[in-house]
Amino acid sequence: MILCFALGIANMFHLHWIILFSVVCLISAFVILFIEIPLLLRVCPTSPAFDGFIRRFETNYMRAAIYFAMSAIQWISIAAKKTSLIAAAVMLLIASLFYALAGVRGQGFVGSKTLGGQGVAQMIV
């Protein structure tokens, strides 16, 4: 997430249509933030449609799919211009592979109470 955010900002200054890919990279950073820290869905004012979209990615397979999609978009950016967005593409692909591997091995997703896993609803109320 931090890499997507940093590279999204760093590539905003190209006078090329790579700017579109950097904006997508920035958006990906915020999507990852909300996927990985569910507490933010309770704290930040978001729409029910956005909440529903983020809640779809609770399983390892769905997380692997969204990370792979975000990675594919950044790989396509190579066609426009070779930039540092390749690093974001590689890291998102690695994250996707690890989530897919966890899904294949049958490992359940383990959430942290600190980041908004099980029990956060009781802590807030």
C-alpha atoms as a PDB file:
ATOM      1  CA  MET A   1       0.000   0.000   0.000  1.00  0.00           C
ATOM      2  CA  ILE A   2       2.771   2.432   0.910  1.00  0.00           C
ATOM      3  CA  LEU A   3       4.635   1.579  -2.292  1.00  0.00           C
ATOM      4  CA  CYS A   4       1.517   2.155  -4.416  1.00  0.00           C
ATOM      5  CA  PHE A   5       0.920   5.494  -2.725  1.00  0.00           C
ATOM      6  CA  ALA A   6       4.524   6.667  -3.099  1.00  0.00           C
ATOM      7  CA  LEU A   7       4.893   5.537  -6.713  1.00  0.00           C
ATOM      8  CA  GLY A   8       1.502   6.943  -7.623  1.00  0.00           C
ATOM      9  CA  ILE A   9       2.587  10.371  -6.425  1.00  0.00           C
ATOM     10  CA  ALA A  10       6.074  10.077  -7.915  1.00  0.00           C
ATOM     11  CA  ASN A  11       4.746   9.279 -11.382  1.00  0.00           C
ATOM     12  CA  MET A  12       2.187  12.085 -11.384  1.00  0.00           C
ATOM     13  CA  PHE A  13       4.803  14.464 -12.693  1.00  0.00           C
ATOM     14  CA  HIS A  14       5.310  12.794 -16.063  1.00  0.00           C
ATOM     15  CA  LEU A  15       4.002  14.755 -19.005  1.00  0.00           C
ATOM     16  CA  HIS A  16       2.645  11.593 -20.530  1.00  0.00           C
ATOM     17  CA  TRP A  17      -0.519   9.542 -20.227  1.00  0.00           C
ATOM     18  CA  ILE A  18       1.285   7.477 -17.587  1.00  0.00           C
ATOM     19  CA  ILE A  19      -0.458   9.921 -15.244  1.00  0.00           C
ATOM     20  CA  LEU A  20      -3.612   7.805 -15.625  1.00  0.00           C
ATOM     21  CA  PHE A  21      -1.775   4.739 -14.364  1.00  0.00           C
ATOM     22  CA  SER A  22      -0.349   6.693 -11.444  1.00  0.00           C
ATOM     23  CA  VAL A  23      -3.871   7.802 -10.483  1.00  0.00           C
ATOM     24  CA  VAL A  24      -4.996   4.169 -10.634  1.00  0.00           C
ATOM     25  CA  CYS A  25      -2.016   3.274  -8.439  1.00  0.00           C
ATOM     26  CA  LEU A  26      -3.075   5.903  -5.889  1.00  0.00           C
ATOM     27  CA  ILE A  27      -6.636   4.585  -5.912  1.00  0.00           C
ATOM     28  CA  SER A  28      -5.260   1.059  -5.464  1.00  0.00           C
ATOM     29  CA  ALA A  29      -3.388   2.211  -2.363  1.00  0.00           C
ATOM     30  CA  PHE A  30      -6.600   3.430  -0.749  1.00  0.00           C
ATOM     31  CA  VAL A  31      -8.525   0.295  -1.761  1.00  0.00           C
ATOM     32  CA  ILE A  32      -5.785  -1.833  -0.177  1.00  0.00           C
ATOM     33  CA  LEU A  33      -5.942   0.320   2.944  1.00  0.00           C
ATOM     34  CA  PHE A  34      -9.672  -0.308   3.355  1.00  0.00           C
ATOM     35  CA  ILE A  35      -9.359  -4.021   2.499  1.00  0.00           C
ATOM     36  CA  GLU A  36      -6.568  -4.681   4.967  1.00  0.00           C
ATOM     37  CA  ILE A  37      -7.838  -2.455   7.805  1.00  0.00           C
ATOM     38  CA  PRO A  38     -11.592  -3.116   8.186  1.00  0.00           C
ATOM     39  CA  LEU A  39     -11.783  -0.735  11.148  1.00  0.00           C
ATOM     40  CA  LEU A  40     -11.648   2.144   8.653  1.00  0.00           C
ATOM     41  CA  LEU A  41     -15.046   1.110   7.262  1.00  0.00           C
ATOM     42  CA  ARG A  42     -16.534   1.878  10.665  1.00  0.00           C
ATOM     43  CA  VAL A  43     -14.529   5.041  11.337  1.00  0.00           C
ATOM     44  CA  CYS A  44     -14.493   6.767   7.938  1.00  0.00           C
ATOM     45  CA  PRO A  45     -17.710   8.045   6.372  1.00  0.00           C
ATOM     46  CA  THR A  46     -18.093   5.869   3.274  1.00  0.00           C
ATOM     47  CA  SER A  47     -21.054   5.011   1.119  1.00  0.00           C
ATOM     48  CA  PRO A  48     -22.909   1.702   1.477  1.00  0.00           C
ATOM     49  CA  ALA A  49     -21.888   0.830  -2.095  1.00  0.00           C
ATOM     50  CA  PHE A  50     -18.195   1.258  -1.257  1.00  0.00           C
ATOM     51  CA  ASP A  51     -18.627  -0.735   1.967  1.00  0.00           C
ATOM     52  CA  GLY A  52     -20.268  -3.548   0.012  1.00  0.00           C
ATOM     53  CA  PHE A  53     -17.478  -3.490  -2.554  1.00  0.00           C
ATOM     54  CA  ILE A  54     -14.782  -3.750   0.112  1.00  0.00           C
ATOM     55  CA  ARG A  55     -16.622  -6.487   2.046  1.00  0.00           C
ATOM     56  CA  ARG A  56     -16.534  -8.711  -1.051  1.00  0.00           C
ATOM     57  CA  PHE A  57     -12.806  -9.227  -0.488  1.00  0.00           C
ATOM     58  CA  GLU A  58     -12.940 -11.139   2.789  1.00  0.00           C
ATOM     59  CA  THR A  59     -11.659 -14.475   1.459  1.00  0.00           C
ATOM     60  CA  ASN A  60      -8.128 -15.260   0.357  1.00  0.00           C
ATOM     61  CA  TYR A  61      -9.257 -16.019  -3.200  1.00  0.00           C
ATOM     62  CA  MET A  62     -11.071 -12.707  -3.585  1.00  0.00           C
ATOM     63  CA  ARG A  63      -8.108 -10.815  -2.180  1.00  0.00           C
ATOM     64  CA  ALA A  64      -5.833 -12.663  -4.601  1.00  0.00           C
ATOM     65  CA  ALA A  65      -8.146 -11.647  -7.442  1.00  0.00           C
ATOM     66  CA  ILE A  66      -8.229  -7.933  -6.564  1.00  0.00           C
ATOM     67  CA  TYR A  67      -4.475  -7.784  -6.037  1.00  0.00           C
ATOM     68  CA  PHE A  68      -3.950  -9.575  -9.360  1.00  0.00           C
ATOM     69  CA  ALA A  69      -6.269  -7.118 -11.135  1.00  0.00           C
ATOM     70  CA  MET A  70      -4.435  -4.137  -9.648  1.00  0.00           C
ATOM     71  CA  SER A  71      -1.123  -5.726 -10.638  1.00  0.00           C
ATOM     72  CA  ALA A  72      -2.297  -6.345 -14.196  1.00  0.00           C
ATOM     73  CA  ILE A  73      -3.255  -2.694 -14.594  1.00  0.00           C
ATOM     74  CA  GLN A  74       0.214  -1.626 -13.506  1.00  0.00           C
ATOM     75  CA  TRP A  75       1.846  -4.170 -15.842  1.00  0.00           C
ATOM     76  CA  ILE A  76      -0.135  -2.625 -18.699  1.00  0.00           C
ATOM     77  CA  SER A  77       1.469   0.714 -17.824  1.00  0.00           C
ATOM     78  CA  ILE A  78       4.707  -0.638 -19.318  1.00  0.00           C
ATOM     79  CA  ALA A  79       3.093  -0.253 -22.752  1.00  0.00           C
ATOM     80  CA  ALA A  80       2.792   3.474 -22.141  1.00  0.00           C
ATOM     81  CA  LYS A  81       6.222   4.070 -20.664  1.00  0.00           C
ATOM     82  CA  LYS A  82       8.678   2.175 -18.512  1.00  0.00           C
ATOM     83  CA  THR A  83       8.502   3.788 -15.086  1.00  0.00           C
ATOM     84  CA  SER A  84       8.831   2.825 -11.453  1.00  0.00           C
ATOM     85  CA  LEU A  85       5.221   1.624 -11.499  1.00  0.00           C
ATOM     86  CA  ILE A  86       6.730  -1.737 -12.424  1.00  0.00           C
ATOM     87  CA  ALA A  87       7.774  -2.095  -8.765  1.00  0.00           C
ATOM     88  CA  ALA A  88       4.151  -1.669  -7.687  1.00  0.00           C
ATOM     89  CA  ALA A  89       3.105  -4.253 -10.279  1.00  0.00           C
ATOM     90  CA  VAL A  90       5.644  -6.763  -8.983  1.00  0.00           C
ATOM     91  CA  MET A  91       4.706  -6.276  -5.320  1.00  0.00           C
ATOM     92  CA  LEU A  92       0.978  -6.511  -6.043  1.00  0.00           C
ATOM     93  CA  LEU A  93       1.599  -9.708  -8.023  1.00  0.00           C
ATOM     94  CA  ILE A  94       3.587 -11.200  -5.134  1.00  0.00           C
ATOM     95  CA  ALA A  95       0.789 -10.326  -2.690  1.00  0.00           C
ATOM     96  CA  SER A  96      -1.721 -11.911  -5.062  1.00  0.00           C
ATOM     97  CA  LEU A  97       0.333 -15.092  -5.274  1.00  0.00           C
ATOM     98  CA  PHE A  98       0.619 -15.348  -1.500  1.00  0.00           C
ATOM     99  CA  TYR A  99      -3.137 -14.881  -1.013  1.00  0.00           C
ATOM    100  CA  ALA A 100      -3.798 -17.504  -3.715  1.00  0.00           C
ATOM    101  CA  LEU A 101      -1.339 -19.888  -2.052  1.00  0.00           C
ATOM    102  CA  ALA A 102      -3.060 -19.399   1.294  1.00  0.00           C
ATOM    103  CA  GLY A 103      -6.395 -20.133  -0.367  1.00  0.00           C
ATOM    104  CA  VAL A 104      -5.086 -23.302  -2.021  1.00  0.00           C
ATOM    105  CA  ARG A 105      -3.594 -24.520   1.250  1.00  0.00           C
ATOM    106  CA  GLY A 106      -6.925 -23.891   2.992  1.00  0.00           C
ATOM    107  CA  GLN A 107      -5.562 -21.372   5.437  1.00  0.00           C
ATOM    108  CA  GLY A 108      -8.228 -19.121   6.850  1.00  0.00           C
ATOM    109  CA  PHE A 109      -7.719 -15.390   6.877  1.00  0.00           C
ATOM    110  CA  VAL A 110      -6.633 -14.228  10.322  1.00  0.00           C
ATOM    111  CA  GLY A 111      -7.682 -10.729  11.273  1.00  0.00           C
ATOM    112  CA  SER A 112      -6.192  -8.649  14.041  1.00  0.00           C
ATOM    113  CA  LYS A 113      -8.311  -6.928  16.673  1.00  0.00           C
ATOM    114  CA  THR A 114      -5.962  -3.968  16.401  1.00  0.00           C
ATOM    115  CA  LEU A 115      -6.611  -3.522  12.666  1.00  0.00           C
ATOM    116  CA  GLY A 116     -10.321  -4.200  12.821  1.00  0.00           C
ATOM    117  CA  GLY A 117     -10.766  -7.953  12.870  1.00  0.00           C
ATOM    118  CA  GLN A 118     -13.091  -9.946  15.110  1.00  0.00           C
ATOM    119  CA  GLY A 119     -14.365  -8.083  18.135  1.00  0.00           C
ATOM    120  CA  VAL A 120     -14.034  -4.532  16.831  1.00  0.00           C
ATOM    121  CA  ALA A 121     -17.788  -4.007  16.803  1.00  0.00           C
ATOM    122  CA  GLN A 122     -17.891  -4.685  20.544  1.00  0.00           C
ATOM    123  CA  MET A 123     -14.937  -2.376  21.181  1.00  0.00           C
ATOM    124  CA  ILE A 124     -16.535   0.553  19.329  1.00  0.00           C
ATOM    125  CA  VAL A 125     -20.064   0.210  20.725  1.00  0.00           C
END
